[in-house]
């Protein structure tokens, strides 16, 4: 995957974290971190650390929804967009992750 190209892989509390780059990217990526089941890919190690709690909520959501998580997540965002809302910020999965992290 990305490891042969300089990415750093760690296992933290049973979750694989992959820092794609050694340092922050020169150009903004479409995401700072993204979760696929028990794998979190972040732009770099500092972002993984900063977003760890948020992404762990997505790990738990993925455990809850199983293989339906990604399609349901995308549909939830699309539904928000169709309703004239923000596909990412108003997505219920993201709302839950922000709520759990902020307390």
PDB file of N, CA and C in Angstrom:
ATOM      1  N   UNK A   1       0.851  -1.177   0.000  1.00  0.00           N
ATOM      2  CA  UNK A   1       0.000   0.000   0.000  1.00  0.00           C
ATOM      3  C   UNK A   1       0.894   1.238   0.000  1.00  0.00           C
ATOM      4  N   UNK A   2       0.824   2.088   1.016  1.00  0.00           N
ATOM      5  CA  UNK A   2       1.606   3.322   1.060  1.00  0.00           C
ATOM      6  C   UNK A   2       2.960   3.147   1.730  1.00  0.00           C
ATOM      7  N   UNK A   3       3.124   2.090   2.518  1.00  0.00           N
ATOM      8  CA  UNK A   3       4.351   1.901   3.287  1.00  0.00           C
ATOM      9  C   UNK A   3       5.592   1.857   2.398  1.00  0.00           C
ATOM     10  N   UNK A   4       5.583   1.183   1.241  1.00  0.00           N
ATOM     11  CA  UNK A   4       6.781   1.190   0.401  1.00  0.00           C
ATOM     12  C   UNK A   4       7.155   2.593  -0.097  1.00  0.00           C
ATOM     13  N   UNK A   5       6.231   3.534  -0.026  1.00  0.00           N
ATOM     14  CA  UNK A   5       6.481   4.893  -0.500  1.00  0.00           C
ATOM     15  C   UNK A   5       6.815   5.858   0.634  1.00  0.00           C
ATOM     16  N   UNK A   6       7.114   5.327   1.824  1.00  0.00           N
ATOM     17  CA  UNK A   6       7.534   6.167   2.935  1.00  0.00           C
ATOM     18  C   UNK A   6       6.493   6.384   4.014  1.00  0.00           C
ATOM     19  N   UNK A   7       5.328   5.766   3.886  1.00  0.00           N
ATOM     20  CA  UNK A   7       4.304   5.916   4.914  1.00  0.00           C
ATOM     21  C   UNK A   7       4.730   5.175   6.172  1.00  0.00           C
ATOM     22  N   UNK A   8       4.203   5.602   7.294  1.00  0.00           N
ATOM     23  CA  UNK A   8       4.514   4.992   8.586  1.00  0.00           C
ATOM     24  C   UNK A   8       3.265   4.289   9.104  1.00  0.00           C
ATOM     25  N   UNK A   9       3.422   3.038   9.508  1.00  0.00           N
ATOM     26  CA  UNK A   9       2.299   2.236   9.994  1.00  0.00           C
ATOM     27  C   UNK A   9       2.514   1.935  11.469  1.00  0.00           C
ATOM     28  N   UNK A  10       1.460   2.130  12.266  1.00  0.00           N
ATOM     29  CA  UNK A  10       1.485   1.803  13.695  1.00  0.00           C
ATOM     30  C   UNK A  10       0.181   1.120  14.059  1.00  0.00           C
ATOM     31  N   UNK A  11       0.236   0.312  15.096  1.00  0.00           N
ATOM     32  CA  UNK A  11      -0.991  -0.258  15.657  1.00  0.00           C
ATOM     33  C   UNK A  11      -1.179   0.388  17.018  1.00  0.00           C
ATOM     34  N   UNK A  12      -2.305   1.079  17.186  1.00  0.00           N
ATOM     35  CA  UNK A  12      -2.616   1.786  18.426  1.00  0.00           C
ATOM     36  C   UNK A  12      -3.939   1.244  18.956  1.00  0.00           C
ATOM     37  N   UNK A  13      -3.877   0.567  20.088  1.00  0.00           N
ATOM     38  CA  UNK A  13      -5.079   0.002  20.716  1.00  0.00           C
ATOM     39  C   UNK A  13      -5.891  -0.841  19.738  1.00  0.00           C
ATOM     40  N   UNK A  14      -5.215  -1.663  18.949  1.00  0.00           N
ATOM     41  CA  UNK A  14      -5.891  -2.582  18.040  1.00  0.00           C
ATOM     42  C   UNK A  14      -6.335  -1.985  16.718  1.00  0.00           C
ATOM     43  N   UNK A  15      -6.014  -0.730  16.472  1.00  0.00           N
ATOM     44  CA  UNK A  15      -6.386  -0.074  15.220  1.00  0.00           C
ATOM     45  C   UNK A  15      -5.109   0.252  14.448  1.00  0.00           C
ATOM     46  N   UNK A  16      -5.095  -0.073  13.167  1.00  0.00           N
ATOM     47  CA  UNK A  16      -3.948   0.239  12.326  1.00  0.00           C
ATOM     48  C   UNK A  16      -4.044   1.700  11.911  1.00  0.00           C
ATOM     49  N   UNK A  17      -2.992   2.451  12.189  1.00  0.00           N
ATOM     50  CA  UNK A  17      -2.919   3.846  11.775  1.00  0.00           C
ATOM     51  C   UNK A  17      -1.793   3.991  10.759  1.00  0.00           C
ATOM     52  N   UNK A  18      -2.107   4.585   9.641  1.00  0.00           N
ATOM     53  CA  UNK A  18      -1.112   4.789   8.587  1.00  0.00           C
ATOM     54  C   UNK A  18      -0.959   6.286   8.365  1.00  0.00           C
ATOM     55  N   UNK A  19       0.249   6.783   8.606  1.00  0.00           N
ATOM     56  CA  UNK A  19       0.575   8.181   8.293  1.00  0.00           C
ATOM     57  C   UNK A  19       1.158   8.169   6.887  1.00  0.00           C
ATOM     58  N   UNK A  20       0.442   8.739   5.942  1.00  0.00           N
ATOM     59  CA  UNK A  20       0.844   8.666   4.535  1.00  0.00           C
ATOM     60  C   UNK A  20       2.146   9.407   4.267  1.00  0.00           C
ATOM     61  N   UNK A  21       2.372  10.494   4.992  1.00  0.00           N
ATOM     62  CA  UNK A  21       3.559  11.323   4.770  1.00  0.00           C
ATOM     63  C   UNK A  21       4.298  11.539   6.088  1.00  0.00           C
ATOM     64  N   UNK A  22       5.567  11.894   5.985  1.00  0.00           N
ATOM     65  CA  UNK A  22       6.342  12.193   7.185  1.00  0.00           C
ATOM     66  C   UNK A  22       5.973  13.550   7.776  1.00  0.00           C
ATOM     67  N   UNK A  23       5.591  14.488   6.919  1.00  0.00           N
ATOM     68  CA  UNK A  23       5.253  15.846   7.346  1.00  0.00           C
ATOM     69  C   UNK A  23       3.945  16.261   6.681  1.00  0.00           C
ATOM     70  N   UNK A  24       3.413  17.369   7.122  1.00  0.00           N
ATOM     71  CA  UNK A  24       2.172  17.881   6.532  1.00  0.00           C
ATOM     72  C   UNK A  24       2.342  18.056   5.025  1.00  0.00           C
ATOM     73  N   UNK A  25       1.320  17.714   4.238  1.00  0.00           N
ATOM     74  CA  UNK A  25       1.417  17.850   2.780  1.00  0.00           C
ATOM     75  C   UNK A  25       1.512  19.317   2.370  1.00  0.00           C
ATOM     76  N   UNK A  26       2.166  19.555   1.251  1.00  0.00           N
ATOM     77  CA  UNK A  26       2.283  20.932   0.745  1.00  0.00           C
ATOM     78  C   UNK A  26       0.932  21.462   0.283  1.00  0.00           C
ATOM     79  N   UNK A  27       0.153  20.583  -0.303  1.00  0.00           N
ATOM     80  CA  UNK A  27      -1.197  20.948  -0.737  1.00  0.00           C
ATOM     81  C   UNK A  27      -2.208  20.250   0.148  1.00  0.00           C
ATOM     82  N   UNK A  28      -3.318  20.915   0.370  1.00  0.00           N
ATOM     83  CA  UNK A  28      -4.391  20.352   1.203  1.00  0.00           C
ATOM     84  C   UNK A  28      -4.985  19.121   0.518  1.00  0.00           C
ATOM     85  N   UNK A  29      -5.150  18.057   1.275  1.00  0.00           N
ATOM     86  CA  UNK A  29      -5.810  16.846   0.791  1.00  0.00           C
ATOM     87  C   UNK A  29      -7.314  16.987   1.021  1.00  0.00           C
ATOM     88  N   UNK A  30      -8.130  16.155   0.350  1.00  0.00           N
ATOM     89  CA  UNK A  30      -9.576  16.228   0.590  1.00  0.00           C
ATOM     90  C   UNK A  30      -9.963  15.771   1.999  1.00  0.00           C
ATOM     91  N   UNK A  31      -9.028  15.150   2.711  1.00  0.00           N
ATOM     92  CA  UNK A  31      -9.280  14.708   4.081  1.00  0.00           C
ATOM     93  C   UNK A  31      -7.973  14.809   4.865  1.00  0.00           C
ATOM     94  N   UNK A  32      -8.098  14.944   6.183  1.00  0.00           N
ATOM     95  CA  UNK A  32      -6.921  14.904   7.053  1.00  0.00           C
ATOM     96  C   UNK A  32      -6.707  13.476   7.545  1.00  0.00           C
ATOM     97  N   UNK A  33      -7.821  12.755   7.726  1.00  0.00           N
ATOM     98  CA  UNK A  33      -7.780  11.343   8.110  1.00  0.00           C
ATOM     99  C   UNK A  33      -9.078  10.704   7.639  1.00  0.00           C
ATOM    100  N   UNK A  34      -8.993   9.419   7.352  1.00  0.00           N
ATOM    101  CA  UNK A  34     -10.176   8.692   6.888  1.00  0.00           C
ATOM    102  C   UNK A  34     -10.108   7.277   7.455  1.00  0.00           C
ATOM    103  N   UNK A  35     -11.256   6.739   7.803  1.00  0.00           N
ATOM    104  CA  UNK A  35     -11.333   5.440   8.466  1.00  0.00           C
ATOM    105  C   UNK A  35     -11.983   4.408   7.568  1.00  0.00           C
ATOM    106  N   UNK A  36     -11.344   3.245   7.493  1.00  0.00           N
ATOM    107  CA  UNK A  36     -11.883   2.081   6.782  1.00  0.00           C
ATOM    108  C   UNK A  36     -11.846   0.911   7.754  1.00  0.00           C
ATOM    109  N   UNK A  37     -12.947   0.681   8.453  1.00  0.00           N
ATOM    110  CA  UNK A  37     -12.987  -0.403   9.432  1.00  0.00           C
ATOM    111  C   UNK A  37     -12.033  -0.119  10.574  1.00  0.00           C
ATOM    112  N   UNK A  38     -11.020  -0.974  10.749  1.00  0.00           N
ATOM    113  CA  UNK A  38     -10.018  -0.799  11.804  1.00  0.00           C
ATOM    114  C   UNK A  38      -8.718  -0.240  11.258  1.00  0.00           C
ATOM    115  N   UNK A  39      -8.807   0.480  10.144  1.00  0.00           N
ATOM    116  CA  UNK A  39      -7.640   1.123   9.544  1.00  0.00           C
ATOM    117  C   UNK A  39      -7.944   2.611   9.390  1.00  0.00           C
ATOM    118  N   UNK A  40      -7.051   3.431   9.927  1.00  0.00           N
ATOM    119  CA  UNK A  40      -7.182   4.882   9.791  1.00  0.00           C
ATOM    120  C   UNK A  40      -5.986   5.365   8.988  1.00  0.00           C
ATOM    121  N   UNK A  41      -6.256   6.086   7.912  1.00  0.00           N
ATOM    122  CA  UNK A  41      -5.199   6.668   7.090  1.00  0.00           C
ATOM    123  C   UNK A  41      -5.244   8.170   7.306  1.00  0.00           C
ATOM    124  N   UNK A  42      -4.103   8.714   7.704  1.00  0.00           N
ATOM    125  CA  UNK A  42      -4.004  10.159   7.922  1.00  0.00           C
ATOM    126  C   UNK A  42      -2.924  10.748   7.050  1.00  0.00           C
ATOM    127  N   UNK A  43      -3.002  12.045   6.832  1.00  0.00           N
ATOM    128  CA  UNK A  43      -1.997  12.686   5.986  1.00  0.00           C
ATOM    129  C   UNK A  43      -0.615  12.574   6.606  1.00  0.00           C
ATOM    130  N   UNK A  44      -0.515  12.736   7.936  1.00  0.00           N
ATOM    131  CA  UNK A  44       0.768  12.590   8.624  1.00  0.00           C
ATOM    132  C   UNK A  44       0.507  12.299  10.108  1.00  0.00           C
ATOM    133  N   UNK A  45       1.565  11.931  10.833  1.00  0.00           N
ATOM    134  CA  UNK A  45       1.428  11.451  12.208  1.00  0.00           C
ATOM    135  C   UNK A  45       0.770  12.468  13.134  1.00  0.00           C
ATOM    136  N   UNK A  46       1.076  13.755  12.992  1.00  0.00           N
ATOM    137  CA  UNK A  46       0.487  14.753  13.875  1.00  0.00           C
ATOM    138  C   UNK A  46      -1.029  14.839  13.677  1.00  0.00           C
ATOM    139  N   UNK A  47      -1.474  14.700  12.443  1.00  0.00           N
ATOM    140  CA  UNK A  47      -2.923  14.716  12.189  1.00  0.00           C
ATOM    141  C   UNK A  47      -3.584  13.478  12.781  1.00  0.00           C
ATOM    142  N   UNK A  48      -2.933  12.335  12.676  1.00  0.00           N
ATOM    143  CA  UNK A  48      -3.491  11.122  13.279  1.00  0.00           C
ATOM    144  C   UNK A  48      -3.649  11.306  14.784  1.00  0.00           C
ATOM    145  N   UNK A  49      -2.657  11.885  15.411  1.00  0.00           N
ATOM    146  CA  UNK A  49      -2.736  12.109  16.852  1.00  0.00           C
ATOM    147  C   UNK A  49      -3.858  13.097  17.183  1.00  0.00           C
ATOM    148  N   UNK A  50      -3.941  14.175  16.434  1.00  0.00           N
ATOM    149  CA  UNK A  50      -4.959  15.205  16.677  1.00  0.00           C
ATOM    150  C   UNK A  50      -6.379  14.665  16.477  1.00  0.00           C
ATOM    151  N   UNK A  51      -6.548  13.786  15.481  1.00  0.00           N
ATOM    152  CA  UNK A  51      -7.882  13.299  15.119  1.00  0.00           C
ATOM    153  C   UNK A  51      -8.193  11.900  15.637  1.00  0.00           C
ATOM    154  N   UNK A  52      -7.305  11.336  16.439  1.00  0.00           N
ATOM    155  CA  UNK A  52      -7.470   9.952  16.895  1.00  0.00           C
ATOM    156  C   UNK A  52      -8.829   9.701  17.533  1.00  0.00           C
ATOM    157  N   UNK A  53      -9.253  10.509  18.465  1.00  0.00           N
ATOM    158  CA  UNK A  53     -10.529  10.274  19.157  1.00  0.00           C
ATOM    159  C   UNK A  53     -11.705  10.338  18.179  1.00  0.00           C
ATOM    160  N   UNK A  54     -11.674  11.311  17.268  1.00  0.00           N
ATOM    161  CA  UNK A  54     -12.735  11.447  16.266  1.00  0.00           C
ATOM    162  C   UNK A  54     -12.793  10.214  15.372  1.00  0.00           C
ATOM    163  N   UNK A  55     -11.646   9.792  14.888  1.00  0.00           N
ATOM    164  CA  UNK A  55     -11.608   8.637  13.982  1.00  0.00           C
ATOM    165  C   UNK A  55     -11.987   7.349  14.710  1.00  0.00           C
ATOM    166  N   UNK A  56     -11.707   7.257  16.011  1.00  0.00           N
ATOM    167  CA  UNK A  56     -12.106   6.072  16.786  1.00  0.00           C
ATOM    168  C   UNK A  56     -13.625   5.955  16.858  1.00  0.00           C
ATOM    169  N   UNK A  57     -14.318   7.073  16.843  1.00  0.00           N
ATOM    170  CA  UNK A  57     -15.784   7.014  16.793  1.00  0.00           C
ATOM    171  C   UNK A  57     -16.199   6.350  15.484  1.00  0.00           C
ATOM    172  N   UNK A  58     -15.524   6.694  14.392  1.00  0.00           N
ATOM    173  CA  UNK A  58     -15.837   6.059  13.101  1.00  0.00           C
ATOM    174  C   UNK A  58     -15.498   4.563  13.114  1.00  0.00           C
ATOM    175  N   UNK A  59     -14.454   4.176  13.831  1.00  0.00           N
ATOM    176  CA  UNK A  59     -14.145   2.747  13.975  1.00  0.00           C
ATOM    177  C   UNK A  59     -15.320   2.047  14.654  1.00  0.00           C
ATOM    178  N   UNK A  60     -15.845   2.636  15.727  1.00  0.00           N
ATOM    179  CA  UNK A  60     -16.992   2.035  16.427  1.00  0.00           C
ATOM    180  C   UNK A  60     -18.235   2.019  15.543  1.00  0.00           C
ATOM    181  N   UNK A  61     -18.437   3.079  14.753  1.00  0.00           N
ATOM    182  CA  UNK A  61     -19.562   3.100  13.818  1.00  0.00           C
ATOM    183  C   UNK A  61     -19.417   1.976  12.802  1.00  0.00           C
ATOM    184  N   UNK A  62     -18.209   1.773  12.329  1.00  0.00           N
ATOM    185  CA  UNK A  62     -17.941   0.709  11.364  1.00  0.00           C
ATOM    186  C   UNK A  62     -18.208  -0.663  11.982  1.00  0.00           C
ATOM    187  N   UNK A  63     -17.856  -0.828  13.242  1.00  0.00           N
ATOM    188  CA  UNK A  63     -18.148  -2.091  13.932  1.00  0.00           C
ATOM    189  C   UNK A  63     -19.659  -2.303  14.037  1.00  0.00           C
ATOM    190  N   UNK A  64     -20.374  -1.226  14.311  1.00  0.00           N
ATOM    191  CA  UNK A  64     -21.834  -1.299  14.467  1.00  0.00           C
ATOM    192  C   UNK A  64     -22.523  -1.627  13.147  1.00  0.00           C
ATOM    193  N   UNK A  65     -22.098  -0.970  12.056  1.00  0.00           N
ATOM    194  CA  UNK A  65     -22.767  -1.099  10.761  1.00  0.00           C
ATOM    195  C   UNK A  65     -22.180  -2.197   9.881  1.00  0.00           C
ATOM    196  N   UNK A  66     -20.982  -2.668  10.209  1.00  0.00           N
ATOM    197  CA  UNK A  66     -20.351  -3.715   9.399  1.00  0.00           C
ATOM    198  C   UNK A  66     -20.110  -3.244   7.976  1.00  0.00           C
ATOM    199  N   UNK A  67     -20.302  -4.139   6.999  1.00  0.00           N
ATOM    200  CA  UNK A  67     -20.007  -3.785   5.610  1.00  0.00           C
ATOM    201  C   UNK A  67     -20.932  -2.707   5.039  1.00  0.00           C
ATOM    202  N   UNK A  68     -22.009  -2.393   5.752  1.00  0.00           N
ATOM    203  CA  UNK A  68     -22.912  -1.338   5.283  1.00  0.00           C
ATOM    204  C   UNK A  68     -22.422   0.062   5.645  1.00  0.00           C
ATOM    205  N   UNK A  69     -21.399   0.150   6.507  1.00  0.00           N
ATOM    206  CA  UNK A  69     -20.984   1.463   7.001  1.00  0.00           C
ATOM    207  C   UNK A  69     -20.648   2.446   5.877  1.00  0.00           C
ATOM    208  N   UNK A  70     -19.765   2.081   4.986  1.00  0.00           N
ATOM    209  CA  UNK A  70     -19.353   3.030   3.941  1.00  0.00           C
ATOM    210  C   UNK A  70     -20.523   3.434   3.043  1.00  0.00           C
ATOM    211  N   UNK A  71     -21.320   2.485   2.515  1.00  0.00           N
ATOM    212  CA  UNK A  71     -22.447   2.933   1.693  1.00  0.00           C
ATOM    213  C   UNK A  71     -23.457   3.783   2.459  1.00  0.00           C
ATOM    214  N   UNK A  72     -23.743   3.417   3.718  1.00  0.00           N
ATOM    215  CA  UNK A  72     -24.715   4.189   4.502  1.00  0.00           C
ATOM    216  C   UNK A  72     -24.146   5.569   4.834  1.00  0.00           C
ATOM    217  N   UNK A  73     -22.859   5.635   5.141  1.00  0.00           N
ATOM    218  CA  UNK A  73     -22.209   6.924   5.402  1.00  0.00           C
ATOM    219  C   UNK A  73     -22.339   7.833   4.177  1.00  0.00           C
ATOM    220  N   UNK A  74     -22.025   7.289   2.998  1.00  0.00           N
ATOM    221  CA  UNK A  74     -22.112   8.078   1.766  1.00  0.00           C
ATOM    222  C   UNK A  74     -23.550   8.489   1.462  1.00  0.00           C
ATOM    223  N   UNK A  75     -24.493   7.587   1.666  1.00  0.00           N
ATOM    224  CA  UNK A  75     -25.905   7.917   1.451  1.00  0.00           C
ATOM    225  C   UNK A  75     -26.382   8.993   2.422  1.00  0.00           C
ATOM    226  N   UNK A  76     -25.916   8.923   3.673  1.00  0.00           N
ATOM    227  CA  UNK A  76     -26.308   9.939   4.664  1.00  0.00           C
ATOM    228  C   UNK A  76     -25.802  11.312   4.240  1.00  0.00           C
ATOM    229  N   UNK A  77     -24.588  11.367   3.721  1.00  0.00           N
ATOM    230  CA  UNK A  77     -24.057  12.637   3.232  1.00  0.00           C
ATOM    231  C   UNK A  77     -24.817  13.128   2.007  1.00  0.00           C
ATOM    232  N   UNK A  78     -25.124  12.212   1.102  1.00  0.00           N
ATOM    233  CA  UNK A  78     -25.881  12.579  -0.097  1.00  0.00           C
ATOM    234  C   UNK A  78     -27.271  13.090   0.281  1.00  0.00           C
ATOM    235  N   UNK A  79     -27.890  12.466   1.267  1.00  0.00           N
ATOM    236  CA  UNK A  79     -29.210  12.897   1.713  1.00  0.00           C
ATOM    237  C   UNK A  79     -29.151  14.324   2.277  1.00  0.00           C
ATOM    238  N   UNK A  80     -28.103  14.614   3.017  1.00  0.00           N
ATOM    239  CA  UNK A  80     -27.955  15.977   3.536  1.00  0.00           C
ATOM    240  C   UNK A  80     -27.810  16.974   2.385  1.00  0.00           C
ATOM    241  N   UNK A  81     -27.021  16.614   1.404  1.00  0.00           N
ATOM    242  CA  UNK A  81     -26.789  17.487   0.243  1.00  0.00           C
ATOM    243  C   UNK A  81     -28.091  17.728  -0.524  1.00  0.00           C
ATOM    244  N   UNK A  82     -28.877  16.661  -0.747  1.00  0.00           N
ATOM    245  CA  UNK A  82     -30.157  16.779  -1.455  1.00  0.00           C
ATOM    246  C   UNK A  82     -31.090  17.719  -0.693  1.00  0.00           C
ATOM    247  N   UNK A  83     -31.001  17.696   0.612  1.00  0.00           N
ATOM    248  CA  UNK A  83     -31.843  18.554   1.452  1.00  0.00           C
ATOM    249  C   UNK A  83     -31.310  19.981   1.559  1.00  0.00           C
ATOM    250  N   UNK A  84     -30.231  20.285   0.833  1.00  0.00           N
ATOM    251  CA  UNK A  84     -29.668  21.632   0.865  1.00  0.00           C
ATOM    252  C   UNK A  84     -28.758  21.883   2.047  1.00  0.00           C
ATOM    253  N   UNK A  85     -28.342  20.816   2.697  1.00  0.00           N
ATOM    254  CA  UNK A  85     -27.445  20.936   3.844  1.00  0.00           C
ATOM    255  C   UNK A  85     -26.033  20.568   3.416  1.00  0.00           C
ATOM    256  N   UNK A  86     -25.112  20.578   4.338  1.00  0.00           N
ATOM    257  CA  UNK A  86     -23.707  20.267   4.042  1.00  0.00           C
ATOM    258  C   UNK A  86     -23.472  18.764   4.165  1.00  0.00           C
ATOM    259  N   UNK A  87     -23.025  18.156   3.073  1.00  0.00           N
ATOM    260  CA  UNK A  87     -22.887  16.693   3.005  1.00  0.00           C
ATOM    261  C   UNK A  87     -21.967  16.148   4.084  1.00  0.00           C
ATOM    262  N   UNK A  88     -20.884  16.834   4.370  1.00  0.00           N
ATOM    263  CA  UNK A  88     -19.946  16.349   5.387  1.00  0.00           C
ATOM    264  C   UNK A  88     -20.345  16.820   6.778  1.00  0.00           C
ATOM    265  N   UNK A  89     -20.470  18.112   6.985  1.00  0.00           N
ATOM    266  CA  UNK A  89     -20.684  18.648   8.328  1.00  0.00           C
ATOM    267  C   UNK A  89     -22.020  18.240   8.930  1.00  0.00           C
ATOM    268  N   UNK A  90     -23.046  18.045   8.110  1.00  0.00           N
ATOM    269  CA  UNK A  90     -24.359  17.667   8.621  1.00  0.00           C
ATOM    270  C   UNK A  90     -24.615  16.160   8.554  1.00  0.00           C
ATOM    271  N   UNK A  91     -23.647  15.400   8.067  1.00  0.00           N
ATOM    272  CA  UNK A  91     -23.766  13.945   8.027  1.00  0.00           C
ATOM    273  C   UNK A  91     -23.900  13.440   9.472  1.00  0.00           C
ATOM    274  N   UNK A  92     -24.935  12.657   9.783  1.00  0.00           N
ATOM    275  CA  UNK A  92     -25.140  12.200  11.163  1.00  0.00           C
ATOM    276  C   UNK A  92     -23.947  11.439  11.749  1.00  0.00           C
ATOM    277  N   UNK A  93     -23.188  10.743  10.909  1.00  0.00           N
ATOM    278  CA  UNK A  93     -22.008  10.027  11.401  1.00  0.00           C
ATOM    279  C   UNK A  93     -20.938  11.013  11.872  1.00  0.00           C
ATOM    280  N   UNK A  94     -20.778  12.119  11.148  1.00  0.00           N
ATOM    281  CA  UNK A  94     -19.807  13.140  11.554  1.00  0.00           C
ATOM    282  C   UNK A  94     -20.311  13.930  12.755  1.00  0.00           C
ATOM    283  N   UNK A  95     -21.607  14.187  12.791  1.00  0.00           N
ATOM    284  CA  UNK A  95     -22.189  14.893  13.937  1.00  0.00           C
ATOM    285  C   UNK A  95     -21.952  14.077  15.203  1.00  0.00           C
ATOM    286  N   UNK A  96     -22.185  12.754  15.131  1.00  0.00           N
ATOM    287  CA  UNK A  96     -21.956  11.886  16.285  1.00  0.00           C
ATOM    288  C   UNK A  96     -20.490  11.898  16.695  1.00  0.00           C
ATOM    289  N   UNK A  97     -19.583  11.822  15.740  1.00  0.00           N
ATOM    290  CA  UNK A  97     -18.151  11.799  16.059  1.00  0.00           C
ATOM    291  C   UNK A  97     -17.735  13.110  16.718  1.00  0.00           C
ATOM    292  N   UNK A  98     -18.187  14.234  16.214  1.00  0.00           N
ATOM    293  CA  UNK A  98     -17.833  15.516  16.829  1.00  0.00           C
ATOM    294  C   UNK A  98     -18.436  15.634  18.228  1.00  0.00           C
ATOM    295  N   UNK A  99     -19.679  15.190  18.393  1.00  0.00           N
ATOM    296  CA  UNK A  99     -20.354  15.267  19.687  1.00  0.00           C
ATOM    297  C   UNK A  99     -19.631  14.413  20.732  1.00  0.00           C
ATOM    298  N   UNK A 100     -19.249  13.203  20.371  1.00  0.00           N
ATOM    299  CA  UNK A 100     -18.585  12.320  21.331  1.00  0.00           C
ATOM    300  C   UNK A 100     -17.212  12.828  21.711  1.00  0.00           C
ATOM    301  N   UNK A 101     -16.515  13.449  20.775  1.00  0.00           N
ATOM    302  CA  UNK A 101     -15.174  13.948  21.067  1.00  0.00           C
ATOM    303  C   UNK A 101     -15.236  15.211  21.916  1.00  0.00           C
ATOM    304  N   UNK A 102     -16.211  16.062  21.635  1.00  0.00           N
ATOM    305  CA  UNK A 102     -16.280  17.331  22.380  1.00  0.00           C
ATOM    306  C   UNK A 102     -16.893  17.165  23.758  1.00  0.00           C
ATOM    307  N   UNK A 103     -17.453  16.010  24.013  1.00  0.00           N
ATOM    308  CA  UNK A 103     -17.939  15.739  25.348  1.00  0.00           C
ATOM    309  C   UNK A 103     -19.390  15.807  25.479  1.00  0.00           C
TER     310      UNK A 103
END
